[in-house]
Amino acid sequence: MKNLVLITILIISLTVTIAFALPRIAQTHKEGFKTMLQNFLTPVIHGYGIGFTGDTYIIAKWHIVNSKILPRVDINDIIRQAKEENVTDWSVVRERIRVALEANGTIVKKGRIKIEKINYLLTNISVSETNAIADVREIPNWESCKQQNISAEDCELSGVKVGDVTITKRTKPQQEIPGEPRVWAGTMNFNGTAYTFVTLVYPRG
């Protein structure tokens, strides 16, 4: 979850350099932004699974959340207005961004998957009550994207695609126990190998 918060934080940090009238953002303010943005992350599902083919297997841990984000141009406008008004407190900017997120934020799905102790991004995510699909990408160089003024969304897609996952719920409705995991299964293509992927999915919402 912390990493997903930082992805959203990147959208804000890309615009900080234009705000010359504001003091340099301090660590305490950064923590304040993180705390605020956590309210705009809604857990969807997460799970633990195993992919196998022949005598080979891989272990995976994954999660998907809904993240509410603002277009960078909207954040630019908020910071520019603060500059024009000679605002000197980042908490004021944070509150204005919070209000804008509430009113105009767009919900997108974000995900991570750890395969054999290495973290990857889940992108192009689609989730329903019975199935989920996503691409698996290497984590991009966030700092490089920031220096090139590349948006967080475009930066994610710059990561090398190393596979994809397609899973469907197998647990029958009459077998479901509230709060207990469901069995989902399907395929995981990873680094050129196709695995049968079975995972315990924990509903969150």
C-alpha atoms as a PDB file:
ATOM      1  CA  MET A   1       0.000   0.000   0.000  1.00  0.00           C
ATOM      2  CA  LYS A   2       2.800   2.443   0.852  1.00  0.00           C
ATOM      3  CA  ASN A   3       4.261   2.088  -2.638  1.00  0.00           C
ATOM      4  CA  LEU A   4       0.893   2.842  -4.205  1.00  0.00           C
ATOM      5  CA  VAL A   5       0.623   5.980  -2.139  1.00  0.00           C
ATOM      6  CA  LEU A   6       4.016   7.054  -3.436  1.00  0.00           C
ATOM      7  CA  ILE A   7       2.813   6.570  -7.005  1.00  0.00           C
ATOM      8  CA  THR A   8       0.059   9.085  -6.356  1.00  0.00           C
ATOM      9  CA  ILE A   9       2.460  11.373  -4.526  1.00  0.00           C
ATOM     10  CA  LEU A  10       4.570  11.451  -7.713  1.00  0.00           C
ATOM     11  CA  ILE A  11       1.761  13.284  -9.498  1.00  0.00           C
ATOM     12  CA  ILE A  12       2.061  16.044  -6.919  1.00  0.00           C
ATOM     13  CA  SER A  13       5.852  16.081  -6.728  1.00  0.00           C
ATOM     14  CA  LEU A  14       6.121  16.614 -10.481  1.00  0.00           C
ATOM     15  CA  THR A  15       4.569  20.046 -10.028  1.00  0.00           C
ATOM     16  CA  VAL A  16       6.451  21.257  -6.971  1.00  0.00           C
ATOM     17  CA  THR A  17       9.209  22.947  -8.960  1.00  0.00           C
ATOM     18  CA  ILE A  18       6.837  25.574 -10.381  1.00  0.00           C
ATOM     19  CA  ALA A  19       5.839  26.873  -6.959  1.00  0.00           C
ATOM     20  CA  PHE A  20       8.675  29.324  -6.361  1.00  0.00           C
ATOM     21  CA  ALA A  21       6.651  31.427  -3.907  1.00  0.00           C
ATOM     22  CA  LEU A  22       6.181  28.491  -1.588  1.00  0.00           C
ATOM     23  CA  PRO A  23       8.924  27.255   0.738  1.00  0.00           C
ATOM     24  CA  ARG A  24      10.606  23.971  -0.037  1.00  0.00           C
ATOM     25  CA  ILE A  25       8.238  21.176   0.952  1.00  0.00           C
ATOM     26  CA  ALA A  26       9.409  19.714   4.256  1.00  0.00           C
ATOM     27  CA  GLN A  27       9.313  16.055   5.276  1.00  0.00           C
ATOM     28  CA  THR A  28       6.469  16.778   7.701  1.00  0.00           C
ATOM     29  CA  HIS A  29       4.374  18.157   4.843  1.00  0.00           C
ATOM     30  CA  LYS A  30       5.249  15.162   2.681  1.00  0.00           C
ATOM     31  CA  GLU A  31       3.970  12.889   5.426  1.00  0.00           C
ATOM     32  CA  GLY A  32       0.832  15.015   5.578  1.00  0.00           C
ATOM     33  CA  PHE A  33       0.261  14.514   1.862  1.00  0.00           C
ATOM     34  CA  LYS A  34       0.755  10.762   2.233  1.00  0.00           C
ATOM     35  CA  THR A  35      -1.712  10.576   5.099  1.00  0.00           C
ATOM     36  CA  MET A  36      -4.296  12.561   3.151  1.00  0.00           C
ATOM     37  CA  LEU A  37      -3.894  10.490   0.000  1.00  0.00           C
ATOM     38  CA  GLN A  38      -4.356   7.245   1.901  1.00  0.00           C
ATOM     39  CA  ASN A  39      -7.994   8.288   2.219  1.00  0.00           C
ATOM     40  CA  PHE A  40      -8.279   8.123  -1.559  1.00  0.00           C
ATOM     41  CA  LEU A  41      -7.009   4.544  -1.799  1.00  0.00           C
ATOM     42  CA  THR A  42      -9.749   1.912  -1.514  1.00  0.00           C
ATOM     43  CA  PRO A  43      -8.696  -1.753  -1.197  1.00  0.00           C
ATOM     44  CA  VAL A  44     -10.325  -4.004  -3.803  1.00  0.00           C
ATOM     45  CA  ILE A  45      -8.859  -7.505  -3.549  1.00  0.00           C
ATOM     46  CA  HIS A  46      -5.584  -9.158  -2.659  1.00  0.00           C
ATOM     47  CA  GLY A  47      -4.297 -12.689  -2.698  1.00  0.00           C
ATOM     48  CA  TYR A  48      -1.564 -15.279  -2.432  1.00  0.00           C
ATOM     49  CA  GLY A  49      -1.024 -17.800  -5.192  1.00  0.00           C
ATOM     50  CA  ILE A  50       1.181 -20.315  -6.926  1.00  0.00           C
ATOM     51  CA  GLY A  51       1.869 -20.707 -10.623  1.00  0.00           C
ATOM     52  CA  PHE A  52       3.056 -24.057 -11.878  1.00  0.00           C
ATOM     53  CA  THR A  53       4.042 -25.759 -15.102  1.00  0.00           C
ATOM     54  CA  GLY A  54       5.592 -29.205 -15.121  1.00  0.00           C
ATOM     55  CA  ASP A  55       8.116 -29.338 -12.268  1.00  0.00           C
ATOM     56  CA  THR A  56       8.508 -25.550 -12.134  1.00  0.00           C
ATOM     57  CA  TYR A  57       6.530 -23.229  -9.887  1.00  0.00           C
ATOM     58  CA  ILE A  58       6.520 -19.617  -8.768  1.00  0.00           C
ATOM     59  CA  ILE A  59       4.983 -17.946  -5.715  1.00  0.00           C
ATOM     60  CA  ALA A  60       3.088 -14.670  -5.973  1.00  0.00           C
ATOM     61  CA  LYS A  61       1.544 -12.171  -3.583  1.00  0.00           C
ATOM     62  CA  TRP A  62      -0.576  -9.403  -5.081  1.00  0.00           C
ATOM     63  CA  HIS A  63      -3.049  -6.625  -4.343  1.00  0.00           C
ATOM     64  CA  ILE A  64      -5.241  -4.172  -6.250  1.00  0.00           C
ATOM     65  CA  VAL A  65      -6.712  -0.879  -5.033  1.00  0.00           C
ATOM     66  CA  ASN A  66      -8.848   1.898  -6.445  1.00  0.00           C
ATOM     67  CA  SER A  67      -6.870   5.136  -6.396  1.00  0.00           C
ATOM     68  CA  LYS A  68      -8.465   8.558  -6.832  1.00  0.00           C
ATOM     69  CA  ILE A  69      -6.164  10.898  -8.766  1.00  0.00           C
ATOM     70  CA  LEU A  70      -6.199  14.388 -10.272  1.00  0.00           C
ATOM     71  CA  PRO A  71      -4.948  15.406 -13.709  1.00  0.00           C
ATOM     72  CA  ARG A  72      -1.577  17.099 -13.399  1.00  0.00           C
ATOM     73  CA  VAL A  73      -2.960  20.281 -14.976  1.00  0.00           C
ATOM     74  CA  ASP A  74      -5.444  20.600 -12.094  1.00  0.00           C
ATOM     75  CA  ILE A  75      -2.672  20.282  -9.512  1.00  0.00           C
ATOM     76  CA  ASN A  76      -0.595  22.828 -11.460  1.00  0.00           C
ATOM     77  CA  ASP A  77      -3.496  25.271 -11.279  1.00  0.00           C
ATOM     78  CA  ILE A  78      -3.876  24.800  -7.518  1.00  0.00           C
ATOM     79  CA  ILE A  79      -0.190  25.422  -6.880  1.00  0.00           C
ATOM     80  CA  ARG A  80      -0.062  28.351  -9.331  1.00  0.00           C
ATOM     81  CA  GLN A  81      -3.018  29.966  -7.587  1.00  0.00           C
ATOM     82  CA  ALA A  82      -1.321  29.474  -4.214  1.00  0.00           C
ATOM     83  CA  LYS A  83       1.763  31.171  -5.625  1.00  0.00           C
ATOM     84  CA  GLU A  84      -0.282  34.144  -6.876  1.00  0.00           C
ATOM     85  CA  GLU A  85      -1.917  34.484  -3.466  1.00  0.00           C
ATOM     86  CA  ASN A  86       1.472  34.335  -1.719  1.00  0.00           C
ATOM     87  CA  VAL A  87       0.448  31.263   0.268  1.00  0.00           C
ATOM     88  CA  THR A  88       3.391  30.096   2.398  1.00  0.00           C
ATOM     89  CA  ASP A  89       1.893  27.041   4.108  1.00  0.00           C
ATOM     90  CA  TRP A  90       1.822  23.687   2.324  1.00  0.00           C
ATOM     91  CA  SER A  91      -1.090  22.571   4.516  1.00  0.00           C
ATOM     92  CA  VAL A  92      -3.264  25.078   2.617  1.00  0.00           C
ATOM     93  CA  VAL A  93      -2.206  23.543  -0.697  1.00  0.00           C
ATOM     94  CA  ARG A  94      -2.838  20.061   0.682  1.00  0.00           C
ATOM     95  CA  GLU A  95      -6.361  21.013   1.718  1.00  0.00           C
ATOM     96  CA  ARG A  96      -7.124  22.487  -1.692  1.00  0.00           C
ATOM     97  CA  ILE A  97      -5.897  19.322  -3.377  1.00  0.00           C
ATOM     98  CA  ARG A  98      -8.029  17.247  -1.005  1.00  0.00           C
ATOM     99  CA  VAL A  99     -11.139  19.241  -1.926  1.00  0.00           C
ATOM    100  CA  ALA A 100     -10.334  18.929  -5.633  1.00  0.00           C
ATOM    101  CA  LEU A 101      -9.846  15.162  -5.293  1.00  0.00           C
ATOM    102  CA  GLU A 102     -13.225  14.880  -3.597  1.00  0.00           C
ATOM    103  CA  ALA A 103     -14.941  16.885  -6.318  1.00  0.00           C
ATOM    104  CA  ASN A 104     -13.089  15.996  -9.506  1.00  0.00           C
ATOM    105  CA  GLY A 105     -10.834  13.036  -8.786  1.00  0.00           C
ATOM    106  CA  THR A 106     -10.800  10.152 -11.259  1.00  0.00           C
ATOM    107  CA  ILE A 107     -10.769   6.584  -9.948  1.00  0.00           C
ATOM    108  CA  VAL A 108      -8.161   4.289 -11.494  1.00  0.00           C
ATOM    109  CA  LYS A 109      -7.057   0.827 -10.470  1.00  0.00           C
ATOM    110  CA  LYS A 110      -3.514   0.332  -9.201  1.00  0.00           C
ATOM    111  CA  GLY A 111      -1.811  -2.951  -8.378  1.00  0.00           C
ATOM    112  CA  ARG A 112       1.394  -4.633  -7.336  1.00  0.00           C
ATOM    113  CA  ILE A 113       2.500  -8.249  -7.508  1.00  0.00           C
ATOM    114  CA  LYS A 114       5.538  -9.806  -5.889  1.00  0.00           C
ATOM    115  CA  ILE A 115       6.813 -12.821  -7.809  1.00  0.00           C
ATOM    116  CA  GLU A 116       9.695 -14.760  -6.323  1.00  0.00           C
ATOM    117  CA  LYS A 117      10.522 -11.836  -3.962  1.00  0.00           C
ATOM    118  CA  ILE A 118      10.655  -9.234  -6.756  1.00  0.00           C
ATOM    119  CA  ASN A 119       8.021  -6.489  -7.019  1.00  0.00           C
ATOM    120  CA  TYR A 120       6.250  -5.717 -10.279  1.00  0.00           C
ATOM    121  CA  LEU A 121       3.434  -3.418 -11.321  1.00  0.00           C
ATOM    122  CA  LEU A 122      -0.007  -4.583 -12.383  1.00  0.00           C
ATOM    123  CA  THR A 123      -1.337  -2.352 -15.182  1.00  0.00           C
ATOM    124  CA  ASN A 124      -4.327  -2.347 -17.553  1.00  0.00           C
ATOM    125  CA  ILE A 125      -6.316  -3.852 -14.687  1.00  0.00           C
ATOM    126  CA  SER A 126      -9.893  -5.071 -15.017  1.00  0.00           C
ATOM    127  CA  VAL A 127     -11.675  -6.587 -12.000  1.00  0.00           C
ATOM    128  CA  SER A 128     -15.228  -7.865 -11.553  1.00  0.00           C
ATOM    129  CA  GLU A 129     -16.944 -10.067  -8.993  1.00  0.00           C
ATOM    130  CA  THR A 130     -15.837 -13.173 -10.863  1.00  0.00           C
ATOM    131  CA  ASN A 131     -12.648 -12.450 -12.807  1.00  0.00           C
ATOM    132  CA  ALA A 132      -9.561 -10.262 -13.033  1.00  0.00           C
ATOM    133  CA  ILE A 133      -7.014  -9.529 -15.731  1.00  0.00           C
ATOM    134  CA  ALA A 134      -3.849  -7.417 -15.686  1.00  0.00           C
ATOM    135  CA  ASP A 135      -0.497  -6.933 -17.344  1.00  0.00           C
ATOM    136  CA  VAL A 136       2.684  -7.469 -15.318  1.00  0.00           C
ATOM    137  CA  ARG A 137       5.402  -4.849 -15.800  1.00  0.00           C
ATOM    138  CA  GLU A 138       8.783  -4.109 -14.312  1.00  0.00           C
ATOM    139  CA  ILE A 139       8.765  -1.144 -11.940  1.00  0.00           C
ATOM    140  CA  PRO A 140       9.973   1.884 -13.908  1.00  0.00           C
ATOM    141  CA  ASN A 141      12.593   4.409 -12.869  1.00  0.00           C
ATOM    142  CA  TRP A 142      10.370   6.946 -11.094  1.00  0.00           C
ATOM    143  CA  GLU A 143      13.189   9.444 -10.609  1.00  0.00           C
ATOM    144  CA  SER A 144      14.039   9.400 -14.303  1.00  0.00           C
ATOM    145  CA  CYS A 145      10.383   9.960 -15.213  1.00  0.00           C
ATOM    146  CA  LYS A 146      10.234  12.875 -12.782  1.00  0.00           C
ATOM    147  CA  GLN A 147      13.315  14.489 -14.312  1.00  0.00           C
ATOM    148  CA  GLN A 148      11.815  14.110 -17.797  1.00  0.00           C
ATOM    149  CA  ASN A 149       8.463  15.520 -16.605  1.00  0.00           C
ATOM    150  CA  ILE A 150       6.676  12.267 -17.505  1.00  0.00           C
ATOM    151  CA  SER A 151       3.348  11.705 -15.764  1.00  0.00           C
ATOM    152  CA  ALA A 152       2.944   8.861 -13.286  1.00  0.00           C
ATOM    153  CA  GLU A 153       0.517   7.071 -15.611  1.00  0.00           C
ATOM    154  CA  ASP A 154       2.871   7.235 -18.593  1.00  0.00           C
ATOM    155  CA  CYS A 155       5.794   6.294 -16.363  1.00  0.00           C
ATOM    156  CA  GLU A 156       4.023   3.102 -15.312  1.00  0.00           C
ATOM    157  CA  LEU A 157       3.543   2.096 -18.931  1.00  0.00           C
ATOM    158  CA  SER A 158       7.234   2.686 -19.628  1.00  0.00           C
ATOM    159  CA  GLY A 159       8.078  -0.337 -17.480  1.00  0.00           C
ATOM    160  CA  VAL A 160       8.939  -3.412 -19.534  1.00  0.00           C
ATOM    161  CA  LYS A 161       5.997  -5.807 -19.829  1.00  0.00           C
ATOM    162  CA  VAL A 162       7.061  -9.228 -18.536  1.00  0.00           C
ATOM    163  CA  GLY A 163       3.724 -11.041 -18.549  1.00  0.00           C
ATOM    164  CA  ASP A 164       0.023 -10.990 -17.810  1.00  0.00           C
ATOM    165  CA  VAL A 165      -2.508 -12.639 -15.498  1.00  0.00           C
ATOM    166  CA  THR A 166      -6.047 -13.862 -16.171  1.00  0.00           C
ATOM    167  CA  ILE A 167      -7.964 -15.470 -13.284  1.00  0.00           C
ATOM    168  CA  THR A 168     -11.579 -16.490 -12.632  1.00  0.00           C
ATOM    169  CA  LYS A 169     -13.369 -17.241  -9.372  1.00  0.00           C
ATOM    170  CA  ARG A 170     -13.827 -20.996  -8.879  1.00  0.00           C
ATOM    171  CA  THR A 171     -15.517 -21.026  -5.469  1.00  0.00           C
ATOM    172  CA  LYS A 172     -19.259 -21.644  -5.822  1.00  0.00           C
ATOM    173  CA  PRO A 173     -21.570 -19.037  -4.256  1.00  0.00           C
ATOM    174  CA  GLN A 174     -23.096 -21.629  -1.931  1.00  0.00           C
ATOM    175  CA  GLN A 175     -19.615 -22.483  -0.646  1.00  0.00           C
ATOM    176  CA  GLU A 176     -18.657 -18.914   0.227  1.00  0.00           C
ATOM    177  CA  ILE A 177     -18.238 -17.896   3.850  1.00  0.00           C
ATOM    178  CA  PRO A 178     -18.325 -14.147   4.640  1.00  0.00           C
ATOM    179  CA  GLY A 179     -14.820 -12.792   5.127  1.00  0.00           C
ATOM    180  CA  GLU A 180     -13.145 -16.024   4.034  1.00  0.00           C
ATOM    181  CA  PRO A 181     -10.958 -16.281   0.896  1.00  0.00           C
ATOM    182  CA  ARG A 182     -12.242 -17.569  -2.429  1.00  0.00           C
ATOM    183  CA  VAL A 183     -10.348 -19.815  -4.823  1.00  0.00           C
ATOM    184  CA  TRP A 184      -9.549 -18.196  -8.150  1.00  0.00           C
ATOM    185  CA  ALA A 185      -7.572 -19.853 -10.933  1.00  0.00           C
ATOM    186  CA  GLY A 186      -6.391 -19.177 -14.443  1.00  0.00           C
ATOM    187  CA  THR A 187      -3.126 -18.467 -16.211  1.00  0.00           C
ATOM    188  CA  MET A 188      -0.050 -16.371 -15.586  1.00  0.00           C
ATOM    189  CA  ASN A 189       2.371 -15.678 -18.417  1.00  0.00           C
ATOM    190  CA  PHE A 190       5.677 -14.578 -16.928  1.00  0.00           C
ATOM    191  CA  ASN A 191       9.046 -14.136 -18.616  1.00  0.00           C
ATOM    192  CA  GLY A 192       7.999 -16.242 -21.581  1.00  0.00           C
ATOM    193  CA  THR A 193       6.556 -19.137 -19.549  1.00  0.00           C
ATOM    194  CA  ALA A 194       2.841 -19.946 -19.219  1.00  0.00           C
ATOM    195  CA  TYR A 195       1.832 -21.058 -15.724  1.00  0.00           C
ATOM    196  CA  THR A 196      -1.403 -22.434 -14.378  1.00  0.00           C
ATOM    197  CA  PHE A 197      -2.089 -19.930 -11.607  1.00  0.00           C
ATOM    198  CA  VAL A 198      -4.157 -20.766  -8.512  1.00  0.00           C
ATOM    199  CA  THR A 199      -4.674 -18.117  -5.850  1.00  0.00           C
ATOM    200  CA  LEU A 200      -6.627 -17.499  -2.656  1.00  0.00           C
ATOM    201  CA  VAL A 201      -8.388 -14.159  -3.113  1.00  0.00           C
ATOM    202  CA  TYR A 202      -9.384 -12.131  -0.082  1.00  0.00           C
ATOM    203  CA  PRO A 203     -12.282  -9.752  -0.796  1.00  0.00           C
ATOM    204  CA  ARG A 204     -11.710  -6.249   0.522  1.00  0.00           C
ATOM    205  CA  GLY A 205     -13.982  -3.287   0.267  1.00  0.00           C
END
